[in-house]
């Protein structure tokens, strides 16, 4: 049997910027450094839902935007408390831990789905403050949705972390639009019709083919 958990994501760009500004803090229960805001929300939600969860049911999680980072932390709490994790499938997940945290839990079944031009998976941007305990890193495998029917599969994240200087100024209408779940569903429906996997190194060729 399966029990499913989903967390509401961020409603707008202002919320996304606010979510990205938290520094890392030590989670003594998990023994890793995590995004302070995401972890506070995850722990509150975990305490709320724990009485309703059944240990003999596997757990499946799915979420979008910062809610996806919260879901990833929920998955870790569940794992540490002995729950069977079926899979976590996240859309547009920002980073929530550093390299050591990602390595500690890299075997957990997390799949991140991202639109090529969505900036949220690159958050939080690199700053001197959030690099004190090591820069934020992604964990889990990654599916990058290109325009049309092409997609990229990676066993680990390869895009570089962006520096905070000018980060918000360079966000345009297209990158914001690509963050919306409606555009994720549109791209997924296109790919389901005729999925073509392409190498990460060739992604620019496929992006140029569908440029406006």
N, C-alpha and C. Protein backbone atom coordinates (compact mmCIF):
# COMPACT_ATOMS: atom_id res chain seq x y z
N UNK A 1 0.84 -1.19 0.00
CA UNK A 1 0.00 0.00 0.00
C UNK A 1 0.88 1.25 0.00
N UNK A 2 0.33 2.33 -0.59
CA UNK A 2 1.07 3.58 -0.72
C UNK A 2 0.31 4.71 -0.02
N UNK A 3 1.04 5.56 0.68
CA UNK A 3 0.48 6.82 1.19
C UNK A 3 1.24 7.96 0.52
N UNK A 4 0.52 8.99 0.10
CA UNK A 4 1.09 10.06 -0.72
C UNK A 4 1.10 11.38 0.05
N UNK A 5 2.22 12.09 -0.03
CA UNK A 5 2.37 13.40 0.61
C UNK A 5 2.70 14.43 -0.46
N UNK A 6 2.00 15.56 -0.42
CA UNK A 6 2.28 16.67 -1.33
C UNK A 6 2.21 17.98 -0.54
N UNK A 7 3.12 18.92 -0.85
CA UNK A 7 3.20 20.20 -0.14
C UNK A 7 3.01 21.33 -1.13
N UNK A 8 2.22 22.32 -0.76
CA UNK A 8 1.99 23.48 -1.63
C UNK A 8 3.29 24.25 -1.84
N UNK A 9 3.53 24.70 -3.07
CA UNK A 9 4.72 25.46 -3.39
C UNK A 9 4.52 26.96 -3.23
N UNK A 10 5.47 27.74 -3.74
CA UNK A 10 5.43 29.19 -3.66
C UNK A 10 4.49 29.76 -4.71
N UNK A 11 3.77 30.81 -4.35
CA UNK A 11 2.74 31.37 -5.23
C UNK A 11 3.28 32.35 -6.25
N UNK A 12 4.38 33.05 -5.95
CA UNK A 12 4.86 34.09 -6.86
C UNK A 12 6.36 34.32 -6.69
N UNK A 13 6.92 35.18 -7.56
CA UNK A 13 8.35 35.43 -7.57
C UNK A 13 8.82 36.08 -6.28
N UNK A 14 8.00 36.95 -5.69
CA UNK A 14 8.36 37.60 -4.43
C UNK A 14 8.59 36.55 -3.35
N UNK A 15 7.71 35.57 -3.26
CA UNK A 15 7.88 34.50 -2.29
C UNK A 15 9.14 33.70 -2.56
N UNK A 16 9.43 33.46 -3.83
CA UNK A 16 10.63 32.70 -4.19
C UNK A 16 11.88 33.43 -3.72
N UNK A 17 11.92 34.75 -3.93
CA UNK A 17 13.08 35.53 -3.49
C UNK A 17 13.23 35.48 -1.98
N UNK A 18 12.13 35.60 -1.27
CA UNK A 18 12.17 35.53 0.19
C UNK A 18 12.65 34.16 0.65
N UNK A 19 12.18 33.10 0.00
CA UNK A 19 12.59 31.74 0.36
C UNK A 19 14.08 31.54 0.16
N UNK A 20 14.65 32.21 -0.85
CA UNK A 20 16.05 31.99 -1.20
C UNK A 20 17.02 32.69 -0.26
N UNK A 21 16.53 33.57 0.60
CA UNK A 21 17.42 34.41 1.39
C UNK A 21 17.81 33.82 2.74
N UNK A 22 17.31 32.65 3.07
CA UNK A 22 17.69 32.02 4.33
C UNK A 22 19.09 31.44 4.23
N UNK A 23 19.82 31.51 5.35
CA UNK A 23 21.14 30.90 5.40
C UNK A 23 21.02 29.45 5.88
N UNK A 24 22.13 28.72 5.81
CA UNK A 24 22.13 27.34 6.29
C UNK A 24 22.22 27.31 7.82
N UNK A 25 21.60 26.30 8.40
CA UNK A 25 21.72 26.07 9.84
C UNK A 25 21.89 24.58 10.08
N UNK A 26 22.47 24.23 11.21
CA UNK A 26 22.74 22.83 11.53
C UNK A 26 21.46 22.16 12.04
N UNK A 27 21.09 21.05 11.40
CA UNK A 27 19.99 20.23 11.88
C UNK A 27 20.60 19.11 12.71
N UNK A 28 20.46 19.18 14.00
CA UNK A 28 21.12 18.22 14.89
C UNK A 28 20.52 16.83 14.80
N UNK A 29 19.25 16.74 14.46
CA UNK A 29 18.61 15.42 14.31
C UNK A 29 19.18 14.69 13.10
N UNK A 30 19.35 15.42 11.99
CA UNK A 30 19.84 14.81 10.75
C UNK A 30 21.35 14.89 10.62
N UNK A 31 21.98 15.75 11.43
CA UNK A 31 23.43 15.96 11.41
C UNK A 31 23.92 16.48 10.06
N UNK A 32 23.15 17.40 9.48
CA UNK A 32 23.56 18.06 8.23
C UNK A 32 23.18 19.54 8.32
N UNK A 33 23.80 20.35 7.47
CA UNK A 33 23.41 21.75 7.33
C UNK A 33 22.31 21.84 6.28
N UNK A 34 21.29 22.63 6.59
CA UNK A 34 20.13 22.74 5.71
C UNK A 34 19.69 24.19 5.60
N UNK A 35 18.88 24.47 4.57
CA UNK A 35 18.23 25.77 4.39
C UNK A 35 17.29 25.99 5.58
N UNK A 36 17.52 27.03 6.35
CA UNK A 36 16.81 27.24 7.61
C UNK A 36 15.30 27.32 7.43
N UNK A 37 14.86 28.10 6.43
CA UNK A 37 13.42 28.28 6.23
C UNK A 37 12.72 27.01 5.79
N UNK A 38 13.30 26.31 4.82
CA UNK A 38 12.71 25.06 4.35
C UNK A 38 12.62 24.04 5.48
N UNK A 39 13.69 23.97 6.28
CA UNK A 39 13.73 22.97 7.35
C UNK A 39 12.71 23.28 8.44
N UNK A 40 12.54 24.54 8.78
CA UNK A 40 11.53 24.90 9.79
C UNK A 40 10.14 24.49 9.32
N UNK A 41 9.84 24.76 8.06
CA UNK A 41 8.53 24.38 7.51
C UNK A 41 8.37 22.86 7.47
N UNK A 42 9.45 22.18 7.04
CA UNK A 42 9.38 20.72 6.92
C UNK A 42 9.13 20.07 8.29
N UNK A 43 9.82 20.55 9.31
CA UNK A 43 9.67 19.94 10.63
C UNK A 43 8.26 20.17 11.19
N UNK A 44 7.72 21.37 10.97
CA UNK A 44 6.35 21.65 11.43
C UNK A 44 5.35 20.73 10.74
N UNK A 45 5.51 20.59 9.42
CA UNK A 45 4.60 19.72 8.66
C UNK A 45 4.75 18.27 9.11
N UNK A 46 5.99 17.85 9.33
CA UNK A 46 6.23 16.47 9.75
C UNK A 46 5.54 16.17 11.08
N UNK A 47 5.64 17.10 12.01
CA UNK A 47 4.97 16.90 13.30
C UNK A 47 3.45 16.82 13.13
N UNK A 48 2.92 17.59 12.18
CA UNK A 48 1.47 17.59 11.95
C UNK A 48 0.97 16.29 11.32
N UNK A 49 1.75 15.75 10.37
CA UNK A 49 1.25 14.59 9.62
C UNK A 49 1.64 13.26 10.23
N UNK A 50 2.65 13.26 11.10
CA UNK A 50 3.17 12.00 11.65
C UNK A 50 2.08 11.12 12.29
N UNK A 51 1.13 11.68 13.04
CA UNK A 51 0.11 10.82 13.65
C UNK A 51 -0.78 10.10 12.64
N UNK A 52 -0.80 10.59 11.40
CA UNK A 52 -1.68 10.00 10.38
C UNK A 52 -0.96 9.01 9.47
N UNK A 53 0.35 8.90 9.60
CA UNK A 53 1.13 8.03 8.72
C UNK A 53 1.19 6.61 9.28
N UNK A 54 1.22 5.65 8.36
CA UNK A 54 1.25 4.23 8.75
C UNK A 54 2.60 3.63 8.37
N UNK A 55 3.26 3.02 9.34
CA UNK A 55 4.59 2.47 9.12
C UNK A 55 4.59 1.30 8.13
N UNK A 56 3.45 0.61 7.99
CA UNK A 56 3.40 -0.53 7.08
C UNK A 56 2.99 -0.12 5.66
N UNK A 57 2.86 1.18 5.41
CA UNK A 57 2.60 1.71 4.06
C UNK A 57 3.88 2.39 3.55
N UNK A 58 4.21 2.17 2.29
CA UNK A 58 5.30 2.92 1.68
C UNK A 58 4.85 4.37 1.46
N UNK A 59 5.82 5.27 1.35
CA UNK A 59 5.52 6.70 1.21
C UNK A 59 5.99 7.19 -0.15
N UNK A 60 5.10 7.86 -0.86
CA UNK A 60 5.45 8.54 -2.12
C UNK A 60 5.20 10.03 -1.91
N UNK A 61 6.15 10.86 -2.37
CA UNK A 61 6.02 12.30 -2.23
C UNK A 61 6.15 12.97 -3.58
N UNK A 62 5.46 14.08 -3.76
CA UNK A 62 5.59 14.86 -4.99
C UNK A 62 5.21 16.30 -4.71
N UNK A 63 6.00 17.24 -5.24
CA UNK A 63 5.80 18.65 -4.92
C UNK A 63 6.42 19.54 -5.98
N UNK A 64 6.14 20.84 -5.88
CA UNK A 64 6.61 21.83 -6.84
C UNK A 64 7.20 23.03 -6.10
N UNK A 65 8.28 23.59 -6.66
CA UNK A 65 8.86 24.84 -6.18
C UNK A 65 9.44 24.64 -4.78
N UNK A 66 9.48 25.67 -3.92
CA UNK A 66 10.02 25.46 -2.57
C UNK A 66 9.32 24.35 -1.80
N UNK A 67 8.07 24.08 -2.12
CA UNK A 67 7.39 22.94 -1.52
C UNK A 67 8.12 21.64 -1.82
N UNK A 68 8.84 21.60 -2.95
CA UNK A 68 9.62 20.41 -3.31
C UNK A 68 10.82 20.24 -2.39
N UNK A 69 11.46 21.35 -2.01
CA UNK A 69 12.57 21.27 -1.07
C UNK A 69 12.08 20.81 0.30
N UNK A 70 10.91 21.30 0.69
CA UNK A 70 10.30 20.86 1.95
C UNK A 70 10.00 19.36 1.90
N UNK A 71 9.49 18.90 0.76
CA UNK A 71 9.19 17.47 0.60
C UNK A 71 10.45 16.63 0.69
N UNK A 72 11.56 17.14 0.14
CA UNK A 72 12.82 16.39 0.22
C UNK A 72 13.26 16.23 1.67
N UNK A 73 13.10 17.29 2.45
CA UNK A 73 13.43 17.20 3.87
C UNK A 73 12.47 16.28 4.61
N UNK A 74 11.20 16.32 4.24
CA UNK A 74 10.23 15.38 4.82
C UNK A 74 10.65 13.94 4.53
N UNK A 75 11.10 13.69 3.31
CA UNK A 75 11.56 12.35 2.94
C UNK A 75 12.69 11.90 3.86
N UNK A 76 13.61 12.80 4.15
CA UNK A 76 14.74 12.45 5.01
C UNK A 76 14.27 12.17 6.44
N UNK A 77 13.38 13.01 6.95
CA UNK A 77 12.82 12.74 8.29
C UNK A 77 12.13 11.38 8.33
N UNK A 78 11.34 11.09 7.31
CA UNK A 78 10.63 9.80 7.24
C UNK A 78 11.62 8.64 7.20
N UNK A 79 12.64 8.78 6.38
CA UNK A 79 13.66 7.74 6.26
C UNK A 79 14.34 7.48 7.60
N UNK A 80 14.71 8.55 8.28
CA UNK A 80 15.40 8.40 9.57
C UNK A 80 14.50 7.77 10.62
N UNK A 81 13.20 7.94 10.48
CA UNK A 81 12.26 7.35 11.44
C UNK A 81 11.75 5.98 11.00
N UNK A 82 12.37 5.41 9.96
CA UNK A 82 12.09 4.03 9.61
C UNK A 82 10.99 3.80 8.61
N UNK A 83 10.51 4.85 7.94
CA UNK A 83 9.48 4.67 6.92
C UNK A 83 10.10 4.17 5.62
N UNK A 84 9.33 3.42 4.86
CA UNK A 84 9.76 2.91 3.55
C UNK A 84 9.44 3.98 2.50
N UNK A 85 10.47 4.55 1.89
CA UNK A 85 10.29 5.60 0.89
C UNK A 85 10.19 4.95 -0.49
N UNK A 86 9.03 5.07 -1.12
CA UNK A 86 8.85 4.54 -2.47
C UNK A 86 9.59 5.42 -3.47
N UNK A 87 9.27 6.70 -3.52
CA UNK A 87 9.97 7.66 -4.39
C UNK A 87 9.46 9.06 -4.10
N UNK A 88 10.35 10.02 -4.32
CA UNK A 88 10.00 11.44 -4.30
C UNK A 88 10.23 11.99 -5.70
N UNK A 89 9.18 12.53 -6.32
CA UNK A 89 9.30 13.16 -7.64
C UNK A 89 8.98 14.64 -7.46
N UNK A 90 9.99 15.48 -7.66
CA UNK A 90 9.86 16.91 -7.43
C UNK A 90 9.93 17.70 -8.72
N UNK A 91 9.22 18.81 -8.75
CA UNK A 91 9.23 19.72 -9.90
C UNK A 91 9.79 21.06 -9.44
N UNK A 92 10.81 21.55 -10.15
CA UNK A 92 11.39 22.87 -9.87
C UNK A 92 11.86 23.00 -8.43
N UNK A 93 12.62 22.03 -7.97
CA UNK A 93 13.09 22.06 -6.58
C UNK A 93 14.33 22.92 -6.41
N UNK A 94 14.32 23.89 -5.50
CA UNK A 94 15.56 24.59 -5.14
C UNK A 94 16.43 23.70 -4.25
N UNK A 95 17.66 24.09 -4.04
CA UNK A 95 18.57 23.32 -3.20
C UNK A 95 18.23 23.55 -1.72
N UNK A 96 18.52 22.57 -0.90
CA UNK A 96 18.18 22.70 0.52
C UNK A 96 19.29 22.28 1.47
N UNK A 97 20.40 21.72 0.93
CA UNK A 97 21.51 21.30 1.79
C UNK A 97 22.83 21.51 1.05
N UNK A 98 23.93 21.25 1.74
CA UNK A 98 25.24 21.42 1.12
C UNK A 98 25.76 20.07 0.59
N UNK A 99 27.01 20.06 0.16
CA UNK A 99 27.58 18.85 -0.44
C UNK A 99 27.57 17.68 0.53
N UNK A 100 27.90 17.93 1.79
CA UNK A 100 27.95 16.85 2.77
C UNK A 100 26.55 16.25 2.99
N UNK A 101 25.54 17.12 3.04
CA UNK A 101 24.17 16.64 3.21
C UNK A 101 23.71 15.83 2.01
N UNK A 102 24.05 16.32 0.81
CA UNK A 102 23.67 15.61 -0.41
C UNK A 102 24.33 14.24 -0.48
N UNK A 103 25.59 14.16 -0.08
CA UNK A 103 26.30 12.88 -0.09
C UNK A 103 25.73 11.92 0.96
N UNK A 104 25.35 12.44 2.09
CA UNK A 104 24.83 11.60 3.18
C UNK A 104 23.55 10.87 2.76
N UNK A 105 22.72 11.56 1.97
CA UNK A 105 21.41 10.99 1.62
C UNK A 105 21.25 10.74 0.12
N UNK A 106 22.36 10.58 -0.58
CA UNK A 106 22.30 10.46 -2.04
C UNK A 106 21.63 9.17 -2.51
N UNK A 107 21.52 8.17 -1.64
CA UNK A 107 20.91 6.90 -2.06
C UNK A 107 19.38 6.93 -1.98
N UNK A 108 18.81 7.96 -1.42
CA UNK A 108 17.34 8.03 -1.33
C UNK A 108 16.74 8.25 -2.72
N UNK A 109 15.56 7.68 -2.98
CA UNK A 109 14.97 7.70 -4.33
C UNK A 109 14.31 9.04 -4.68
N UNK A 110 15.14 10.01 -5.02
CA UNK A 110 14.66 11.34 -5.38
C UNK A 110 14.90 11.60 -6.86
N UNK A 111 13.85 11.98 -7.59
CA UNK A 111 13.97 12.40 -8.98
C UNK A 111 13.48 13.84 -9.08
N UNK A 112 14.33 14.71 -9.62
CA UNK A 112 13.98 16.12 -9.79
C UNK A 112 13.70 16.39 -11.27
N UNK A 113 12.57 17.01 -11.54
CA UNK A 113 12.19 17.37 -12.91
C UNK A 113 12.26 18.88 -13.03
N UNK A 114 12.99 19.37 -14.05
CA UNK A 114 13.16 20.81 -14.21
C UNK A 114 12.95 21.22 -15.67
N UNK A 115 12.30 22.35 -15.87
CA UNK A 115 12.27 22.97 -17.19
C UNK A 115 13.61 23.64 -17.44
N UNK A 116 14.10 23.55 -18.65
CA UNK A 116 15.44 24.04 -18.98
C UNK A 116 15.66 25.49 -18.55
N UNK A 117 14.68 26.36 -18.74
CA UNK A 117 14.86 27.79 -18.46
C UNK A 117 14.35 28.22 -17.09
N UNK A 118 13.95 27.29 -16.27
CA UNK A 118 13.46 27.62 -14.93
C UNK A 118 14.64 27.94 -14.02
N UNK A 119 14.62 29.12 -13.38
CA UNK A 119 15.75 29.53 -12.54
C UNK A 119 15.65 28.99 -11.12
N UNK A 120 14.48 28.59 -10.68
CA UNK A 120 14.30 28.20 -9.27
C UNK A 120 15.19 27.03 -8.85
N UNK A 121 15.41 26.00 -9.70
CA UNK A 121 16.32 24.93 -9.29
C UNK A 121 17.76 25.39 -9.06
N UNK A 122 18.11 26.60 -9.52
CA UNK A 122 19.45 27.14 -9.29
C UNK A 122 19.57 27.85 -7.95
N UNK A 123 18.45 28.05 -7.28
CA UNK A 123 18.44 28.74 -5.99
C UNK A 123 18.81 27.79 -4.85
N UNK A 124 19.32 28.32 -3.73
CA UNK A 124 19.71 29.70 -3.51
C UNK A 124 20.98 30.04 -4.28
N UNK A 125 21.12 31.30 -4.72
CA UNK A 125 22.34 31.71 -5.41
C UNK A 125 23.51 31.72 -4.43
N UNK A 126 24.71 31.64 -4.97
CA UNK A 126 25.91 31.58 -4.14
C UNK A 126 26.19 32.92 -3.48
N UNK A 127 26.39 32.92 -2.17
CA UNK A 127 26.81 34.10 -1.42
C UNK A 127 27.91 33.68 -0.45
N UNK A 128 28.63 34.66 0.07
CA UNK A 128 29.67 34.35 1.05
C UNK A 128 29.05 33.76 2.32
N UNK A 129 27.86 34.24 2.67
CA UNK A 129 27.21 33.78 3.90
C UNK A 129 26.79 32.32 3.78
N UNK A 130 26.08 31.97 2.68
CA UNK A 130 25.61 30.58 2.61
C UNK A 130 26.70 29.61 2.19
N UNK A 131 27.91 30.12 1.92
CA UNK A 131 29.02 29.24 1.60
C UNK A 131 29.87 28.90 2.83
N UNK A 132 29.49 29.43 3.99
CA UNK A 132 30.28 29.20 5.20
C UNK A 132 30.41 27.71 5.52
N UNK A 133 29.37 26.95 5.24
CA UNK A 133 29.38 25.51 5.51
C UNK A 133 29.41 24.70 4.22
N UNK A 134 29.80 25.36 3.13
CA UNK A 134 29.81 24.72 1.82
C UNK A 134 28.60 25.15 1.02
N UNK A 135 28.78 25.40 -0.26
CA UNK A 135 27.69 25.88 -1.10
C UNK A 135 26.57 24.85 -1.18
N UNK A 136 25.37 25.34 -1.46
CA UNK A 136 24.22 24.45 -1.63
C UNK A 136 24.45 23.50 -2.81
N UNK A 137 24.02 22.24 -2.66
CA UNK A 137 24.14 21.24 -3.72
C UNK A 137 22.84 20.46 -3.85
N UNK A 138 22.56 20.00 -5.07
CA UNK A 138 21.41 19.14 -5.31
C UNK A 138 21.77 17.69 -5.02
N UNK A 139 20.76 16.88 -4.72
CA UNK A 139 20.91 15.43 -4.64
C UNK A 139 19.83 14.80 -5.51
N UNK A 140 20.02 13.55 -5.86
CA UNK A 140 19.03 12.86 -6.68
C UNK A 140 19.31 12.98 -8.16
N UNK A 141 18.64 12.14 -8.95
CA UNK A 141 18.79 12.24 -10.40
C UNK A 141 17.90 13.36 -10.93
N UNK A 142 18.16 13.77 -12.17
CA UNK A 142 17.53 14.97 -12.71
C UNK A 142 17.03 14.72 -14.14
N UNK A 143 15.81 15.13 -14.40
CA UNK A 143 15.24 15.10 -15.75
C UNK A 143 15.01 16.54 -16.18
N UNK A 144 15.68 16.95 -17.26
CA UNK A 144 15.54 18.31 -17.78
C UNK A 144 14.61 18.28 -18.98
N UNK A 145 13.53 19.03 -18.91
CA UNK A 145 12.56 19.08 -19.99
C UNK A 145 12.94 20.18 -20.97
N UNK A 146 13.20 19.80 -22.22
CA UNK A 146 13.46 20.77 -23.27
C UNK A 146 12.15 21.05 -24.00
N UNK A 147 12.17 21.99 -24.91
CA UNK A 147 10.97 22.25 -25.71
C UNK A 147 10.75 21.10 -26.68
N UNK A 148 9.49 20.86 -27.01
CA UNK A 148 9.18 19.78 -27.94
C UNK A 148 9.15 18.45 -27.24
N UNK A 149 9.80 17.45 -27.82
CA UNK A 149 9.72 16.09 -27.29
C UNK A 149 11.05 15.61 -26.69
N UNK A 150 12.02 16.51 -26.59
CA UNK A 150 13.34 16.11 -26.09
C UNK A 150 13.45 16.32 -24.58
N UNK A 151 14.25 15.46 -23.97
CA UNK A 151 14.55 15.61 -22.55
C UNK A 151 15.97 15.11 -22.30
N UNK A 152 16.51 15.47 -21.15
CA UNK A 152 17.84 15.05 -20.73
C UNK A 152 17.72 14.33 -19.40
N UNK A 153 18.43 13.22 -19.25
CA UNK A 153 18.47 12.53 -17.96
C UNK A 153 19.89 12.58 -17.41
N UNK A 154 20.01 13.00 -16.16
CA UNK A 154 21.30 13.07 -15.49
C UNK A 154 21.23 12.34 -14.16
N UNK A 155 22.27 11.60 -13.84
CA UNK A 155 22.31 10.94 -12.54
C UNK A 155 22.58 11.92 -11.42
N UNK A 156 23.13 13.08 -11.77
CA UNK A 156 23.33 14.14 -10.79
C UNK A 156 23.32 15.49 -11.49
N UNK A 157 23.05 16.54 -10.71
CA UNK A 157 22.93 17.90 -11.24
C UNK A 157 24.27 18.37 -11.80
N UNK A 158 24.24 19.09 -12.95
CA UNK A 158 25.48 19.55 -13.57
C UNK A 158 25.55 21.06 -13.76
N UNK A 159 24.43 21.77 -13.64
CA UNK A 159 24.46 23.22 -13.84
C UNK A 159 25.23 23.89 -12.71
N UNK A 160 25.94 24.97 -13.02
CA UNK A 160 26.70 25.68 -12.01
C UNK A 160 25.78 26.52 -11.13
N UNK A 161 26.19 26.69 -9.86
CA UNK A 161 25.47 27.58 -8.97
C UNK A 161 25.74 29.02 -9.39
N UNK A 162 24.69 29.82 -9.50
CA UNK A 162 24.84 31.21 -9.90
C UNK A 162 25.21 32.08 -8.71
N UNK A 163 26.03 33.11 -8.94
CA UNK A 163 26.37 34.06 -7.90
C UNK A 163 25.20 35.03 -7.72
N UNK A 164 25.07 35.56 -6.51
CA UNK A 164 23.92 36.39 -6.19
C UNK A 164 23.97 37.74 -6.91
N UNK A 165 25.19 38.23 -7.22
CA UNK A 165 25.31 39.52 -7.86
C UNK A 165 24.59 39.52 -9.21
N UNK A 166 23.57 40.34 -9.33
CA UNK A 166 22.83 40.45 -10.59
C UNK A 166 21.89 39.31 -10.87
N UNK A 167 21.79 38.33 -9.96
CA UNK A 167 20.96 37.15 -10.22
C UNK A 167 19.51 37.55 -10.46
N UNK A 168 18.95 38.34 -9.54
CA UNK A 168 17.54 38.70 -9.66
C UNK A 168 17.29 39.65 -10.81
N UNK A 169 18.28 40.48 -11.14
CA UNK A 169 18.12 41.42 -12.26
C UNK A 169 18.07 40.69 -13.59
N UNK A 170 18.65 39.51 -13.66
CA UNK A 170 18.72 38.76 -14.92
C UNK A 170 17.55 37.81 -15.12
N UNK A 171 16.62 37.78 -14.17
CA UNK A 171 15.44 36.94 -14.32
C UNK A 171 14.43 37.65 -15.22
N UNK A 172 14.09 37.03 -16.33
CA UNK A 172 13.16 37.66 -17.27
C UNK A 172 11.80 36.96 -17.23
N UNK A 173 10.89 37.46 -18.05
CA UNK A 173 9.53 36.92 -18.08
C UNK A 173 9.53 35.45 -18.46
N UNK A 174 10.40 35.06 -19.38
CA UNK A 174 10.44 33.68 -19.85
C UNK A 174 10.83 32.72 -18.73
N UNK A 175 11.85 33.10 -17.94
CA UNK A 175 12.31 32.22 -16.87
C UNK A 175 11.27 32.08 -15.77
N UNK A 176 10.52 33.17 -15.52
CA UNK A 176 9.44 33.10 -14.53
C UNK A 176 8.31 32.22 -15.04
N UNK A 177 7.95 32.40 -16.30
CA UNK A 177 6.88 31.60 -16.90
C UNK A 177 7.23 30.11 -16.88
N UNK A 178 8.49 29.79 -17.12
CA UNK A 178 8.91 28.39 -17.15
C UNK A 178 8.82 27.73 -15.77
N UNK A 179 8.69 28.54 -14.74
CA UNK A 179 8.59 27.98 -13.39
C UNK A 179 7.18 27.47 -13.08
N UNK A 180 6.17 27.99 -13.76
CA UNK A 180 4.79 27.64 -13.43
C UNK A 180 4.51 26.17 -13.72
N UNK A 181 3.73 25.55 -12.85
CA UNK A 181 3.43 24.12 -13.00
C UNK A 181 2.68 23.84 -14.29
N UNK A 182 1.90 24.80 -14.78
CA UNK A 182 1.17 24.61 -16.04
C UNK A 182 2.14 24.37 -17.19
N UNK A 183 3.29 25.05 -17.18
CA UNK A 183 4.27 24.85 -18.24
C UNK A 183 5.01 23.53 -18.07
N UNK A 184 5.18 23.09 -16.84
CA UNK A 184 5.74 21.75 -16.62
C UNK A 184 4.82 20.69 -17.21
N UNK A 185 3.54 20.81 -16.94
CA UNK A 185 2.58 19.82 -17.45
C UNK A 185 2.53 19.85 -18.98
N UNK A 186 2.62 21.04 -19.55
CA UNK A 186 2.62 21.17 -21.01
C UNK A 186 3.82 20.45 -21.62
N UNK A 187 4.99 20.68 -21.05
CA UNK A 187 6.20 20.03 -21.58
C UNK A 187 6.17 18.52 -21.37
N UNK A 188 5.66 18.08 -20.24
CA UNK A 188 5.57 16.64 -19.98
C UNK A 188 4.63 15.97 -20.96
N UNK A 189 3.49 16.58 -21.23
CA UNK A 189 2.54 16.01 -22.19
C UNK A 189 3.15 15.89 -23.58
N UNK A 190 3.95 16.89 -23.98
CA UNK A 190 4.62 16.83 -25.28
C UNK A 190 5.61 15.68 -25.34
N UNK A 191 6.37 15.52 -24.26
CA UNK A 191 7.39 14.48 -24.22
C UNK A 191 6.77 13.09 -24.15
N UNK A 192 5.66 12.96 -23.44
CA UNK A 192 5.00 11.66 -23.35
C UNK A 192 4.53 11.17 -24.72
N UNK A 193 4.22 12.10 -25.61
CA UNK A 193 3.75 11.72 -26.95
C UNK A 193 4.85 11.04 -27.76
N UNK A 194 6.10 11.51 -27.59
CA UNK A 194 7.22 10.94 -28.34
C UNK A 194 8.52 11.36 -27.67
N UNK A 195 8.90 10.64 -26.64
CA UNK A 195 10.05 11.03 -25.83
C UNK A 195 11.36 10.73 -26.55
N UNK A 196 12.23 11.74 -26.63
CA UNK A 196 13.56 11.57 -27.23
C UNK A 196 14.60 12.06 -26.22
N UNK A 197 15.44 11.14 -25.74
CA UNK A 197 16.48 11.52 -24.80
C UNK A 197 17.70 12.02 -25.55
N UNK A 198 18.25 13.15 -25.11
CA UNK A 198 19.43 13.74 -25.75
C UNK A 198 20.50 13.95 -24.68
N UNK A 199 21.78 13.98 -25.09
CA UNK A 199 22.85 14.19 -24.11
C UNK A 199 22.88 15.63 -23.61
N UNK A 200 23.31 15.80 -22.38
CA UNK A 200 23.39 17.14 -21.78
C UNK A 200 24.29 18.06 -22.59
N UNK A 201 25.37 17.52 -23.13
CA UNK A 201 26.32 18.33 -23.88
C UNK A 201 25.73 18.89 -25.17
N UNK A 202 24.62 18.30 -25.65
CA UNK A 202 24.01 18.74 -26.91
C UNK A 202 22.73 19.56 -26.70
N UNK A 203 22.44 19.95 -25.47
CA UNK A 203 21.15 20.60 -25.19
C UNK A 203 20.97 21.92 -25.92
N UNK A 204 22.06 22.66 -26.14
CA UNK A 204 21.94 23.96 -26.81
C UNK A 204 21.42 23.80 -28.23
N UNK A 205 21.79 22.71 -28.88
CA UNK A 205 21.31 22.46 -30.25
C UNK A 205 19.79 22.34 -30.26
N UNK A 206 19.26 21.60 -29.31
CA UNK A 206 17.81 21.38 -29.25
C UNK A 206 17.07 22.63 -28.79
N UNK A 207 17.70 23.43 -27.93
CA UNK A 207 17.08 24.68 -27.51
C UNK A 207 17.00 25.65 -28.68
N UNK A 208 18.06 25.70 -29.49
CA UNK A 208 18.06 26.60 -30.66
C UNK A 208 16.97 26.22 -31.65
N UNK A 209 16.69 24.93 -31.77
CA UNK A 209 15.67 24.48 -32.72
C UNK A 209 14.28 24.99 -32.35
N UNK A 210 14.07 25.26 -31.05
CA UNK A 210 12.75 25.68 -30.59
C UNK A 210 12.75 27.12 -30.10
N UNK A 211 13.82 27.86 -30.43
CA UNK A 211 13.87 29.26 -30.02
C UNK A 211 12.81 30.06 -30.75
N UNK A 212 12.25 31.04 -30.04
CA UNK A 212 11.21 31.88 -30.65
C UNK A 212 11.82 32.78 -31.73
